[in-house]
N, C-alpha and C. Protein backbone atom coordinates (compact mmCIF):
# COMPACT_ATOMS: atom_id res chain seq x y z
N MET A 1 0.84 -1.20 0.00
CA MET A 1 0.00 0.00 0.00
C MET A 1 0.87 1.24 0.00
N HIS A 2 0.47 2.25 -0.76
CA HIS A 2 1.22 3.50 -0.85
C HIS A 2 1.32 4.15 0.53
N SER A 3 2.45 4.82 0.81
CA SER A 3 2.67 5.42 2.13
C SER A 3 1.61 6.44 2.48
N ASN A 4 1.10 7.16 1.49
CA ASN A 4 0.05 8.15 1.76
C ASN A 4 -1.16 7.51 2.41
N LEU A 5 -1.52 6.32 1.94
CA LEU A 5 -2.74 5.69 2.41
C LEU A 5 -2.62 5.17 3.83
N ARG A 6 -1.40 5.00 4.31
CA ARG A 6 -1.24 4.57 5.70
C ARG A 6 -1.68 5.66 6.67
N GLN A 7 -1.79 6.89 6.16
CA GLN A 7 -2.17 8.00 7.02
C GLN A 7 -3.69 8.12 7.18
N LEU A 8 -4.44 7.35 6.41
CA LEU A 8 -5.90 7.45 6.45
C LEU A 8 -6.44 6.98 7.78
N ARG A 9 -7.42 7.73 8.29
CA ARG A 9 -8.03 7.36 9.57
C ARG A 9 -9.01 6.21 9.41
N HIS A 10 -9.62 6.11 8.23
CA HIS A 10 -10.58 5.04 7.98
C HIS A 10 -9.98 4.09 6.95
N ASN A 11 -10.60 2.96 6.82
CA ASN A 11 -10.08 1.94 5.92
C ASN A 11 -10.58 2.18 4.50
N VAL A 12 -9.93 3.10 3.80
CA VAL A 12 -10.27 3.38 2.41
C VAL A 12 -9.49 2.42 1.53
N ASP A 13 -10.20 1.69 0.70
CA ASP A 13 -9.59 0.67 -0.14
C ASP A 13 -9.61 1.13 -1.59
N ILE A 14 -8.43 1.46 -2.13
CA ILE A 14 -8.34 1.95 -3.50
C ILE A 14 -8.87 0.93 -4.50
N GLU A 15 -8.58 -0.34 -4.26
CA GLU A 15 -9.03 -1.38 -5.19
C GLU A 15 -10.55 -1.45 -5.23
N LYS A 16 -11.19 -1.26 -4.07
CA LYS A 16 -12.64 -1.26 -4.05
C LYS A 16 -13.20 -0.06 -4.79
N ILE A 17 -12.54 1.09 -4.61
CA ILE A 17 -12.99 2.30 -5.29
C ILE A 17 -12.97 2.11 -6.80
N LEU A 18 -11.92 1.47 -7.29
CA LEU A 18 -11.75 1.30 -8.73
C LEU A 18 -12.55 0.13 -9.29
N SER A 19 -13.09 -0.71 -8.42
CA SER A 19 -13.85 -1.88 -8.87
C SER A 19 -15.22 -1.49 -9.40
N ARG A 20 -15.66 -2.16 -10.44
CA ARG A 20 -17.01 -1.92 -10.97
C ARG A 20 -18.08 -2.37 -9.98
N HIS A 21 -17.70 -3.22 -9.05
CA HIS A 21 -18.68 -3.79 -8.11
C HIS A 21 -18.61 -3.13 -6.73
N ALA A 22 -17.97 -1.98 -6.65
CA ALA A 22 -17.82 -1.31 -5.36
C ALA A 22 -19.17 -0.85 -4.82
N HIS A 23 -19.37 -1.00 -3.52
CA HIS A 23 -20.58 -0.51 -2.87
C HIS A 23 -20.47 1.00 -2.69
N SER A 24 -21.61 1.64 -2.49
CA SER A 24 -21.63 3.09 -2.36
C SER A 24 -20.79 3.56 -1.17
N GLU A 25 -20.80 2.79 -0.08
CA GLU A 25 -20.04 3.19 1.10
C GLU A 25 -18.53 3.13 0.85
N ASP A 26 -18.10 2.32 -0.11
CA ASP A 26 -16.68 2.24 -0.44
C ASP A 26 -16.22 3.49 -1.19
N ARG A 27 -17.15 4.17 -1.85
CA ARG A 27 -16.78 5.27 -2.74
C ARG A 27 -17.19 6.64 -2.20
N PHE A 28 -17.81 6.70 -1.04
CA PHE A 28 -18.17 7.98 -0.43
C PHE A 28 -17.07 8.37 0.56
N ILE A 29 -16.39 9.47 0.28
CA ILE A 29 -15.28 9.93 1.12
C ILE A 29 -15.57 11.37 1.54
N PRO A 30 -16.26 11.57 2.66
CA PRO A 30 -16.63 12.92 3.08
C PRO A 30 -15.48 13.73 3.66
N ASP A 31 -14.47 13.05 4.19
CA ASP A 31 -13.34 13.73 4.81
C ASP A 31 -12.38 14.21 3.72
N TYR A 32 -12.15 15.52 3.66
CA TYR A 32 -11.34 16.09 2.58
C TYR A 32 -9.88 15.68 2.66
N GLU A 33 -9.34 15.48 3.85
CA GLU A 33 -7.96 15.06 3.97
C GLU A 33 -7.79 13.64 3.43
N GLU A 34 -8.74 12.78 3.73
CA GLU A 34 -8.69 11.43 3.18
C GLU A 34 -8.84 11.47 1.67
N LEU A 35 -9.72 12.34 1.21
CA LEU A 35 -9.93 12.47 -0.23
C LEU A 35 -8.64 12.93 -0.91
N ARG A 36 -7.93 13.86 -0.29
CA ARG A 36 -6.67 14.34 -0.84
C ARG A 36 -5.66 13.19 -0.99
N LEU A 37 -5.55 12.37 0.05
CA LEU A 37 -4.60 11.26 0.02
C LEU A 37 -4.98 10.22 -1.03
N VAL A 38 -6.27 9.93 -1.11
CA VAL A 38 -6.74 8.98 -2.12
C VAL A 38 -6.46 9.52 -3.52
N THR A 39 -6.72 10.80 -3.72
CA THR A 39 -6.49 11.42 -5.02
C THR A 39 -5.02 11.37 -5.40
N GLU A 40 -4.15 11.64 -4.43
CA GLU A 40 -2.71 11.57 -4.70
C GLU A 40 -2.29 10.15 -5.10
N GLU A 41 -2.88 9.16 -4.44
CA GLU A 41 -2.55 7.78 -4.78
C GLU A 41 -3.01 7.44 -6.19
N LEU A 42 -4.21 7.88 -6.54
CA LEU A 42 -4.73 7.61 -7.89
C LEU A 42 -3.85 8.29 -8.95
N LYS A 43 -3.42 9.50 -8.68
CA LYS A 43 -2.54 10.21 -9.62
C LYS A 43 -1.21 9.49 -9.75
N SER A 44 -0.70 8.94 -8.63
CA SER A 44 0.58 8.23 -8.68
C SER A 44 0.49 6.98 -9.54
N ARG A 45 -0.72 6.49 -9.75
CA ARG A 45 -0.92 5.32 -10.61
C ARG A 45 -1.13 5.72 -12.07
N GLY A 46 -1.01 7.01 -12.34
CA GLY A 46 -1.13 7.48 -13.72
C GLY A 46 -2.55 7.73 -14.17
N LEU A 47 -3.49 7.80 -13.24
CA LEU A 47 -4.89 8.01 -13.59
C LEU A 47 -5.22 9.50 -13.63
N ARG A 48 -5.98 9.89 -14.63
CA ARG A 48 -6.40 11.29 -14.76
C ARG A 48 -7.67 11.51 -13.95
N ILE A 49 -7.66 12.54 -13.11
CA ILE A 49 -8.76 12.82 -12.20
C ILE A 49 -9.64 13.94 -12.77
N VAL A 50 -10.94 13.68 -12.78
CA VAL A 50 -11.92 14.67 -13.21
C VAL A 50 -12.80 15.00 -12.00
N LEU A 51 -13.07 16.28 -11.82
CA LEU A 51 -13.91 16.72 -10.70
C LEU A 51 -15.09 17.53 -11.22
N THR A 52 -16.26 17.25 -10.66
CA THR A 52 -17.42 18.09 -10.89
C THR A 52 -18.22 18.13 -9.60
N GLN A 53 -19.20 19.02 -9.51
CA GLN A 53 -19.95 19.17 -8.26
C GLN A 53 -21.30 19.81 -8.51
N GLY A 54 -22.24 19.57 -7.58
CA GLY A 54 -23.58 20.13 -7.76
C GLY A 54 -24.57 19.51 -6.78
N VAL A 55 -25.85 19.77 -7.02
CA VAL A 55 -26.93 19.28 -6.15
C VAL A 55 -27.41 17.91 -6.58
N TYR A 56 -27.66 17.75 -7.87
CA TYR A 56 -28.19 16.50 -8.44
C TYR A 56 -29.52 16.14 -7.80
N ASP A 57 -30.41 17.12 -7.76
CA ASP A 57 -31.75 16.93 -7.23
C ASP A 57 -32.65 16.39 -8.34
N LEU A 58 -33.59 15.50 -7.98
CA LEU A 58 -34.47 14.88 -8.98
C LEU A 58 -33.65 14.41 -10.18
N LEU A 59 -32.74 13.49 -9.93
CA LEU A 59 -31.80 13.00 -10.93
C LEU A 59 -32.52 12.64 -12.23
N HIS A 60 -32.03 13.19 -13.35
CA HIS A 60 -32.67 12.93 -14.65
C HIS A 60 -31.61 12.68 -15.72
N GLU A 61 -32.06 12.46 -16.97
CA GLU A 61 -31.13 12.07 -18.03
C GLU A 61 -30.08 13.14 -18.32
N GLY A 62 -30.41 14.39 -18.08
CA GLY A 62 -29.43 15.46 -18.28
C GLY A 62 -28.25 15.31 -17.35
N HIS A 63 -28.53 14.93 -16.09
CA HIS A 63 -27.45 14.68 -15.13
C HIS A 63 -26.58 13.51 -15.61
N ALA A 64 -27.23 12.44 -16.05
CA ALA A 64 -26.48 11.25 -16.48
C ALA A 64 -25.59 11.56 -17.68
N ARG A 65 -26.11 12.30 -18.63
CA ARG A 65 -25.31 12.67 -19.80
C ARG A 65 -24.15 13.58 -19.41
N TYR A 66 -24.40 14.48 -18.51
CA TYR A 66 -23.38 15.40 -18.04
C TYR A 66 -22.23 14.62 -17.38
N LEU A 67 -22.58 13.67 -16.51
CA LEU A 67 -21.56 12.88 -15.82
C LEU A 67 -20.81 11.97 -16.79
N GLU A 68 -21.50 11.47 -17.80
CA GLU A 68 -20.85 10.65 -18.83
C GLU A 68 -19.80 11.47 -19.58
N LYS A 69 -20.17 12.69 -19.97
CA LYS A 69 -19.23 13.56 -20.68
C LYS A 69 -18.05 13.95 -19.77
N ALA A 70 -18.35 14.13 -18.49
CA ALA A 70 -17.29 14.48 -17.55
C ALA A 70 -16.26 13.36 -17.46
N LEU A 71 -16.71 12.13 -17.26
CA LEU A 71 -15.78 11.01 -17.14
C LEU A 71 -14.98 10.79 -18.41
N ALA A 72 -15.56 11.14 -19.55
CA ALA A 72 -14.85 10.97 -20.83
C ALA A 72 -13.57 11.80 -20.88
N GLU A 73 -13.43 12.76 -19.97
CA GLU A 73 -12.24 13.61 -19.93
C GLU A 73 -11.10 13.01 -19.11
N GLY A 74 -11.34 11.86 -18.47
CA GLY A 74 -10.29 11.27 -17.65
C GLY A 74 -10.60 9.84 -17.30
N ASP A 75 -10.01 9.36 -16.20
CA ASP A 75 -10.17 7.97 -15.78
C ASP A 75 -11.03 7.81 -14.53
N VAL A 76 -10.98 8.79 -13.64
CA VAL A 76 -11.70 8.73 -12.37
C VAL A 76 -12.51 10.01 -12.21
N LEU A 77 -13.81 9.87 -11.97
CA LEU A 77 -14.68 11.03 -11.81
C LEU A 77 -15.07 11.18 -10.34
N ILE A 78 -14.70 12.30 -9.76
CA ILE A 78 -15.08 12.64 -8.39
C ILE A 78 -16.23 13.63 -8.45
N VAL A 79 -17.30 13.34 -7.72
CA VAL A 79 -18.48 14.19 -7.73
C VAL A 79 -18.73 14.74 -6.33
N GLY A 80 -18.68 16.05 -6.19
CA GLY A 80 -19.04 16.70 -4.94
C GLY A 80 -20.53 16.98 -4.92
N VAL A 81 -21.21 16.50 -3.89
CA VAL A 81 -22.68 16.63 -3.80
C VAL A 81 -23.03 17.58 -2.66
N ASP A 82 -23.88 18.55 -2.94
CA ASP A 82 -24.27 19.53 -1.93
C ASP A 82 -25.17 18.92 -0.87
N THR A 83 -24.88 19.18 0.39
CA THR A 83 -25.75 18.72 1.47
C THR A 83 -27.09 19.45 1.40
N ASP A 84 -28.05 18.97 2.18
CA ASP A 84 -29.38 19.60 2.18
C ASP A 84 -29.29 21.05 2.64
N GLU A 85 -28.50 21.31 3.69
CA GLU A 85 -28.39 22.67 4.21
C GLU A 85 -27.74 23.59 3.19
N PHE A 86 -26.69 23.11 2.55
CA PHE A 86 -26.01 23.93 1.56
C PHE A 86 -26.91 24.18 0.35
N THR A 87 -27.71 23.19 -0.01
CA THR A 87 -28.64 23.35 -1.12
C THR A 87 -29.68 24.41 -0.82
N ARG A 88 -30.17 24.43 0.42
CA ARG A 88 -31.15 25.46 0.80
C ARG A 88 -30.54 26.86 0.70
N VAL A 89 -29.27 26.96 1.07
CA VAL A 89 -28.59 28.26 0.96
C VAL A 89 -28.49 28.68 -0.50
N ARG A 90 -28.17 27.75 -1.37
CA ARG A 90 -27.96 28.07 -2.78
C ARG A 90 -29.25 28.17 -3.58
N LYS A 91 -30.23 27.30 -3.26
CA LYS A 91 -31.41 27.17 -4.12
C LYS A 91 -32.71 27.67 -3.50
N GLY A 92 -32.71 27.91 -2.18
CA GLY A 92 -33.93 28.37 -1.54
C GLY A 92 -34.47 27.37 -0.55
N PRO A 93 -35.42 27.78 0.30
CA PRO A 93 -35.89 26.95 1.41
C PRO A 93 -36.66 25.70 1.00
N ASN A 94 -37.14 25.64 -0.24
CA ASN A 94 -37.91 24.48 -0.67
C ASN A 94 -37.07 23.42 -1.38
N ARG A 95 -35.78 23.61 -1.40
CA ARG A 95 -34.89 22.63 -2.02
C ARG A 95 -33.93 22.07 -0.97
N PRO A 96 -33.44 20.85 -1.14
CA PRO A 96 -33.71 19.97 -2.26
C PRO A 96 -35.04 19.23 -2.10
N VAL A 97 -35.52 18.69 -3.19
CA VAL A 97 -36.71 17.84 -3.13
C VAL A 97 -36.31 16.47 -2.59
N VAL A 98 -35.17 15.98 -3.04
CA VAL A 98 -34.68 14.66 -2.64
C VAL A 98 -33.58 14.85 -1.59
N PRO A 99 -33.66 14.17 -0.44
CA PRO A 99 -32.66 14.32 0.64
C PRO A 99 -31.26 13.88 0.20
N PHE A 100 -30.27 14.41 0.90
CA PHE A 100 -28.86 14.20 0.58
C PHE A 100 -28.50 12.72 0.43
N GLN A 101 -28.86 11.90 1.43
CA GLN A 101 -28.46 10.50 1.40
C GLN A 101 -29.05 9.77 0.20
N GLU A 102 -30.28 10.11 -0.14
CA GLU A 102 -30.91 9.47 -1.30
C GLU A 102 -30.24 9.92 -2.60
N ARG A 103 -29.85 11.19 -2.66
CA ARG A 103 -29.15 11.67 -3.85
C ARG A 103 -27.80 10.97 -4.00
N LEU A 104 -27.12 10.78 -2.87
CA LEU A 104 -25.85 10.04 -2.90
C LEU A 104 -26.06 8.62 -3.42
N ASN A 105 -27.08 7.95 -2.91
CA ASN A 105 -27.34 6.57 -3.31
C ASN A 105 -27.64 6.48 -4.80
N MET A 106 -28.44 7.41 -5.30
CA MET A 106 -28.77 7.39 -6.72
C MET A 106 -27.52 7.60 -7.58
N LEU A 107 -26.69 8.56 -7.20
CA LEU A 107 -25.47 8.83 -7.97
C LEU A 107 -24.50 7.64 -7.92
N SER A 108 -24.47 6.95 -6.79
CA SER A 108 -23.54 5.83 -6.65
C SER A 108 -23.90 4.68 -7.60
N HIS A 109 -25.14 4.67 -8.10
CA HIS A 109 -25.56 3.62 -9.03
C HIS A 109 -25.29 3.98 -10.49
N LEU A 110 -24.78 5.18 -10.73
CA LEU A 110 -24.42 5.56 -12.09
C LEU A 110 -22.99 5.11 -12.38
N ARG A 111 -22.78 4.39 -13.45
CA ARG A 111 -21.47 3.76 -13.71
C ARG A 111 -20.37 4.77 -13.98
N HIS A 112 -20.73 6.01 -14.28
CA HIS A 112 -19.70 7.00 -14.59
C HIS A 112 -19.10 7.63 -13.33
N VAL A 113 -19.76 7.46 -12.20
CA VAL A 113 -19.31 8.10 -10.95
C VAL A 113 -18.34 7.17 -10.22
N SER A 114 -17.12 7.67 -9.96
CA SER A 114 -16.10 6.85 -9.29
C SER A 114 -16.09 7.09 -7.78
N ILE A 115 -16.05 8.36 -7.37
CA ILE A 115 -15.95 8.73 -5.96
C ILE A 115 -16.96 9.85 -5.68
N LEU A 116 -17.58 9.76 -4.52
CA LEU A 116 -18.52 10.79 -4.07
C LEU A 116 -17.99 11.46 -2.81
N THR A 117 -18.17 12.75 -2.73
CA THR A 117 -17.87 13.48 -1.51
C THR A 117 -18.97 14.52 -1.31
N LYS A 118 -18.82 15.38 -0.31
CA LYS A 118 -19.89 16.34 -0.05
C LYS A 118 -19.37 17.77 -0.01
N ARG A 119 -20.27 18.69 -0.30
CA ARG A 119 -20.01 20.12 -0.11
C ARG A 119 -21.00 20.61 0.93
N ASP A 120 -20.51 21.36 1.91
CA ASP A 120 -21.37 21.79 3.00
C ASP A 120 -21.24 23.29 3.22
N VAL A 121 -22.11 23.84 4.06
CA VAL A 121 -22.16 25.28 4.27
C VAL A 121 -20.88 25.83 4.90
N ASP A 122 -20.18 25.01 5.66
CA ASP A 122 -18.98 25.49 6.34
C ASP A 122 -17.71 25.27 5.53
N ILE A 123 -17.89 24.89 4.25
CA ILE A 123 -16.76 24.65 3.37
C ILE A 123 -16.77 25.69 2.25
N PRO A 124 -15.70 26.45 2.06
CA PRO A 124 -15.67 27.45 0.98
C PRO A 124 -15.94 26.81 -0.38
N ILE A 125 -16.54 27.58 -1.28
CA ILE A 125 -16.94 27.08 -2.59
C ILE A 125 -15.79 26.38 -3.32
N GLY A 126 -14.61 26.96 -3.31
CA GLY A 126 -13.50 26.41 -4.08
C GLY A 126 -12.64 25.40 -3.35
N ALA A 127 -12.99 25.07 -2.11
CA ALA A 127 -12.13 24.20 -1.30
C ALA A 127 -11.92 22.83 -1.91
N LEU A 128 -12.97 22.26 -2.46
CA LEU A 128 -12.87 20.91 -3.02
C LEU A 128 -11.92 20.91 -4.22
N ILE A 129 -11.95 21.96 -5.00
CA ILE A 129 -11.05 22.06 -6.15
C ILE A 129 -9.60 22.14 -5.69
N GLU A 130 -9.36 22.92 -4.65
CA GLU A 130 -8.00 23.07 -4.12
C GLU A 130 -7.47 21.77 -3.53
N ILE A 131 -8.36 21.00 -2.89
CA ILE A 131 -7.96 19.73 -2.27
C ILE A 131 -7.65 18.67 -3.34
N VAL A 132 -8.57 18.51 -4.28
CA VAL A 132 -8.43 17.46 -5.29
C VAL A 132 -7.38 17.83 -6.34
N ARG A 133 -7.33 19.10 -6.72
CA ARG A 133 -6.44 19.56 -7.79
C ARG A 133 -6.56 18.62 -8.98
N PRO A 134 -7.75 18.55 -9.58
CA PRO A 134 -7.99 17.58 -10.65
C PRO A 134 -7.23 17.93 -11.92
N HIS A 135 -7.03 16.94 -12.75
CA HIS A 135 -6.50 17.23 -14.07
C HIS A 135 -7.53 18.05 -14.86
N VAL A 136 -8.81 17.70 -14.67
CA VAL A 136 -9.87 18.39 -15.40
C VAL A 136 -10.99 18.76 -14.43
N LEU A 137 -11.40 20.03 -14.46
CA LEU A 137 -12.57 20.49 -13.72
C LEU A 137 -13.70 20.68 -14.72
N VAL A 138 -14.82 20.02 -14.46
CA VAL A 138 -15.97 20.13 -15.34
C VAL A 138 -17.09 20.86 -14.60
N THR A 139 -17.61 21.88 -15.23
CA THR A 139 -18.73 22.62 -14.65
C THR A 139 -19.76 22.89 -15.74
N SER A 140 -20.91 23.40 -15.34
CA SER A 140 -22.01 23.63 -16.28
C SER A 140 -22.21 25.11 -16.54
N GLU A 141 -22.71 25.42 -17.72
CA GLU A 141 -23.03 26.81 -18.06
C GLU A 141 -24.06 27.39 -17.10
N SER A 142 -24.91 26.52 -16.54
CA SER A 142 -26.02 26.99 -15.72
C SER A 142 -25.67 27.20 -14.25
N THR A 143 -24.47 26.76 -13.84
CA THR A 143 -24.13 26.88 -12.42
C THR A 143 -23.85 28.33 -12.05
N LYS A 144 -24.24 28.70 -10.83
CA LYS A 144 -23.98 30.04 -10.33
C LYS A 144 -22.68 30.09 -9.51
N ASP A 145 -22.15 28.92 -9.17
CA ASP A 145 -20.91 28.87 -8.38
C ASP A 145 -19.72 29.38 -9.19
N PHE A 146 -19.65 28.95 -10.45
CA PHE A 146 -18.50 29.27 -11.27
C PHE A 146 -18.93 29.89 -12.59
N PRO A 147 -19.40 31.14 -12.57
CA PRO A 147 -19.74 31.79 -13.83
C PRO A 147 -18.50 31.86 -14.71
N PRO A 148 -18.69 31.83 -16.04
CA PRO A 148 -17.55 31.77 -16.96
C PRO A 148 -16.46 32.79 -16.65
N GLN A 149 -16.82 34.00 -16.25
CA GLN A 149 -15.81 35.03 -16.01
C GLN A 149 -14.97 34.75 -14.76
N ASP A 150 -15.45 33.83 -13.87
CA ASP A 150 -14.70 33.54 -12.64
C ASP A 150 -13.94 32.22 -12.68
N VAL A 151 -14.15 31.43 -13.73
CA VAL A 151 -13.52 30.12 -13.80
C VAL A 151 -12.00 30.22 -13.77
N CYS A 152 -11.45 31.30 -14.31
CA CYS A 152 -10.00 31.45 -14.37
C CYS A 152 -9.36 31.43 -12.99
N VAL A 153 -10.15 31.76 -11.95
CA VAL A 153 -9.64 31.75 -10.58
C VAL A 153 -9.19 30.35 -10.19
N TYR A 154 -9.89 29.34 -10.70
CA TYR A 154 -9.62 27.96 -10.30
C TYR A 154 -8.73 27.22 -11.29
N GLN A 155 -8.36 27.86 -12.39
CA GLN A 155 -7.54 27.18 -13.38
C GLN A 155 -6.14 26.86 -12.86
N LYS A 156 -5.70 27.60 -11.84
CA LYS A 156 -4.36 27.33 -11.31
C LYS A 156 -4.30 26.01 -10.55
N TYR A 157 -5.47 25.42 -10.23
CA TYR A 157 -5.50 24.17 -9.49
C TYR A 157 -5.69 22.96 -10.41
N CYS A 158 -5.84 23.17 -11.70
CA CYS A 158 -6.08 22.05 -12.60
C CYS A 158 -5.50 22.36 -13.99
N GLU A 159 -5.34 21.31 -14.77
CA GLU A 159 -4.77 21.49 -16.10
C GLU A 159 -5.78 22.08 -17.07
N LYS A 160 -7.04 21.76 -16.85
CA LYS A 160 -8.05 22.09 -17.85
C LYS A 160 -9.39 22.34 -17.18
N VAL A 161 -10.14 23.33 -17.66
CA VAL A 161 -11.50 23.60 -17.18
C VAL A 161 -12.44 23.47 -18.38
N ILE A 162 -13.47 22.66 -18.22
CA ILE A 162 -14.45 22.47 -19.28
C ILE A 162 -15.82 22.93 -18.78
N ILE A 163 -16.47 23.77 -19.56
CA ILE A 163 -17.81 24.24 -19.22
C ILE A 163 -18.78 23.61 -20.20
N LEU A 164 -19.63 22.73 -19.69
CA LEU A 164 -20.58 22.01 -20.54
C LEU A 164 -21.92 22.74 -20.60
N PRO A 165 -22.57 22.72 -21.76
CA PRO A 165 -23.94 23.25 -21.84
C PRO A 165 -24.90 22.28 -21.17
N PRO A 166 -26.12 22.71 -20.84
CA PRO A 166 -27.11 21.78 -20.27
C PRO A 166 -27.31 20.58 -21.18
N GLN A 167 -27.41 19.40 -20.56
CA GLN A 167 -27.52 18.16 -21.32
C GLN A 167 -28.96 17.66 -21.45
N ALA A 168 -29.92 18.48 -21.04
CA ALA A 168 -31.34 18.12 -21.18
C ALA A 168 -32.12 19.40 -21.48
N THR A 169 -33.25 19.24 -22.14
CA THR A 169 -34.05 20.41 -22.51
C THR A 169 -34.76 21.02 -21.31
N THR A 170 -34.97 20.22 -20.25
CA THR A 170 -35.65 20.71 -19.06
C THR A 170 -34.76 20.51 -17.84
N SER A 171 -34.51 21.58 -17.09
CA SER A 171 -33.67 21.51 -15.90
C SER A 171 -34.49 21.04 -14.70
N THR A 172 -33.77 20.71 -13.62
CA THR A 172 -34.47 20.33 -12.38
C THR A 172 -35.35 21.46 -11.89
N THR A 173 -34.84 22.69 -11.93
CA THR A 173 -35.62 23.84 -11.47
C THR A 173 -36.90 23.98 -12.29
N ALA A 174 -36.79 23.80 -13.62
CA ALA A 174 -37.97 23.91 -14.48
C ALA A 174 -38.97 22.80 -14.18
N ARG A 175 -38.46 21.60 -13.90
CA ARG A 175 -39.36 20.49 -13.58
C ARG A 175 -40.13 20.78 -12.28
N ILE A 176 -39.42 21.31 -11.29
CA ILE A 176 -40.08 21.63 -10.02
C ILE A 176 -41.11 22.72 -10.23
N ARG A 177 -40.77 23.71 -11.05
CA ARG A 177 -41.71 24.79 -11.33
C ARG A 177 -42.98 24.26 -12.00
N MET A 178 -42.80 23.33 -12.95
CA MET A 178 -43.95 22.76 -13.64
C MET A 178 -44.82 21.96 -12.67
N LEU A 179 -44.15 21.19 -11.79
CA LEU A 179 -44.90 20.43 -10.80
C LEU A 179 -45.68 21.36 -9.87
N SER A 180 -45.05 22.48 -9.50
CA SER A 180 -45.71 23.45 -8.62
C SER A 180 -46.91 24.07 -9.30
N ILE A 181 -46.74 24.42 -10.58
CA ILE A 181 -47.84 25.02 -11.34
C ILE A 181 -48.98 24.03 -11.48
N GLU A 182 -48.63 22.77 -11.81
CA GLU A 182 -49.67 21.75 -11.95
C GLU A 182 -50.40 21.54 -10.64
N GLY A 183 -49.62 21.54 -9.53
CA GLY A 183 -50.25 21.38 -8.22
C GLY A 183 -51.15 22.55 -7.89
N ALA A 184 -50.71 23.77 -8.23
CA ALA A 184 -51.52 24.96 -7.97
C ALA A 184 -52.79 24.93 -8.81
N ASP A 185 -52.67 24.49 -10.06
CA ASP A 185 -53.85 24.41 -10.93
C ASP A 185 -54.87 23.43 -10.38
N GLN A 186 -54.38 22.29 -9.88
CA GLN A 186 -55.29 21.30 -9.33
C GLN A 186 -55.96 21.83 -8.07
N LEU A 187 -55.18 22.55 -7.23
CA LEU A 187 -55.74 23.14 -6.02
C LEU A 187 -56.82 24.15 -6.37
N ALA A 188 -56.56 24.96 -7.41
CA ALA A 188 -57.54 25.96 -7.83
C ALA A 188 -58.83 25.29 -8.31
N ARG A 189 -58.68 24.19 -9.05
CA ARG A 189 -59.87 23.47 -9.53
C ARG A 189 -60.66 22.89 -8.36
N ASP A 190 -59.91 22.33 -7.39
CA ASP A 190 -60.59 21.76 -6.22
C ASP A 190 -61.33 22.83 -5.44
N LEU A 191 -60.68 23.99 -5.27
CA LEU A 191 -61.32 25.08 -4.53
C LEU A 191 -62.53 25.61 -5.28
N ALA A 192 -62.41 25.67 -6.61
CA ALA A 192 -63.54 26.16 -7.42
C ALA A 192 -64.76 25.27 -7.27
N GLU A 193 -64.52 24.00 -7.02
CA GLU A 193 -65.63 23.07 -6.83
C GLU A 193 -66.16 23.10 -5.39
N ARG A 194 -65.23 23.20 -4.44
CA ARG A 194 -65.61 23.04 -3.04
C ARG A 194 -66.18 24.32 -2.42
N ILE A 195 -65.63 25.47 -2.78
CA ILE A 195 -66.07 26.71 -2.13
C ILE A 195 -67.55 27.00 -2.40
N PRO A 196 -68.02 26.96 -3.65
CA PRO A 196 -69.45 27.22 -3.87
C PRO A 196 -70.34 26.23 -3.11
N ARG A 197 -69.91 24.96 -3.05
CA ARG A 197 -70.69 23.95 -2.35
C ARG A 197 -70.74 24.26 -0.86
N ALA A 198 -69.56 24.66 -0.30
CA ALA A 198 -69.51 24.99 1.13
C ALA A 198 -70.37 26.21 1.44
N VAL A 199 -70.33 27.20 0.54
CA VAL A 199 -71.15 28.41 0.75
C VAL A 199 -72.63 28.06 0.71
N GLN A 200 -73.01 27.21 -0.26
CA GLN A 200 -74.42 26.82 -0.38
C GLN A 200 -74.87 26.04 0.85
N GLU A 201 -73.98 25.17 1.36
CA GLU A 201 -74.34 24.40 2.56
C GLU A 201 -74.52 25.32 3.76
N SER A 202 -73.69 26.35 3.85
CA SER A 202 -73.82 27.30 4.95
C SER A 202 -75.12 28.08 4.85
N LEU A 203 -75.45 28.49 3.63
CA LEU A 203 -76.71 29.22 3.43
C LEU A 203 -77.90 28.35 3.77
N ASP A 204 -77.85 27.10 3.39
CA ASP A 204 -78.96 26.17 3.69
C ASP A 204 -79.11 26.01 5.20
N LYS A 205 -77.98 25.93 5.90
CA LYS A 205 -78.05 25.80 7.37
C LYS A 205 -78.67 27.04 7.99
N MET A 206 -78.27 28.20 7.48
CA MET A 206 -78.78 29.46 8.02
C MET A 206 -80.30 29.56 7.80
N ARG A 207 -80.73 29.11 6.63
CA ARG A 207 -82.18 29.15 6.36
C ARG A 207 -82.94 28.19 7.26
N GLY A 208 -82.30 27.12 7.65
CA GLY A 208 -82.99 26.12 8.47
C GLY A 208 -83.02 26.47 9.93
N MET A 209 -82.30 27.54 10.33
CA MET A 209 -82.25 27.91 11.75
C MET A 209 -83.55 28.59 12.17
């Protein structure tokens, strides 16, 4: 075992991480120091590291295509996933729709994802990039974390920065908005039916008094 890995506090197994049959718990590394050591070991084996990050709420085909394109840039794809609290800070009080642990589990079942870690409210936006120092950083045109004019700030930590366009015609935010509108429309229809009936029942009671 590489000397770096002897410093790990937990039993992180590189072979399990690289295995196609690795369980989700083998590939989730929330501790950034452990992640740094694992990343160094992977680089020492000649593997190209790709990093991306986000919420991945209501996982859909756009997310899967995005992650597929990201992994195509290297050998190992590390995905930073926003915690529920951090998502609320970034997206508003009604997000995420899907809890953090469930989002992790869903991502762990995608064959393009090699390692999962987390981004939290007490961690600076660029900290994960500085820790991993990936060969390639992949981000999306739609992200507010790294607008195109600010990406150059993080280029010193990686060889290459790739900004991908949205990989689906409908974003998670748009899907939630549509669901909200549909729910509001149904509520309006229900109220339109129930309110006149309730008013008529009240009038009938008043007449019977």
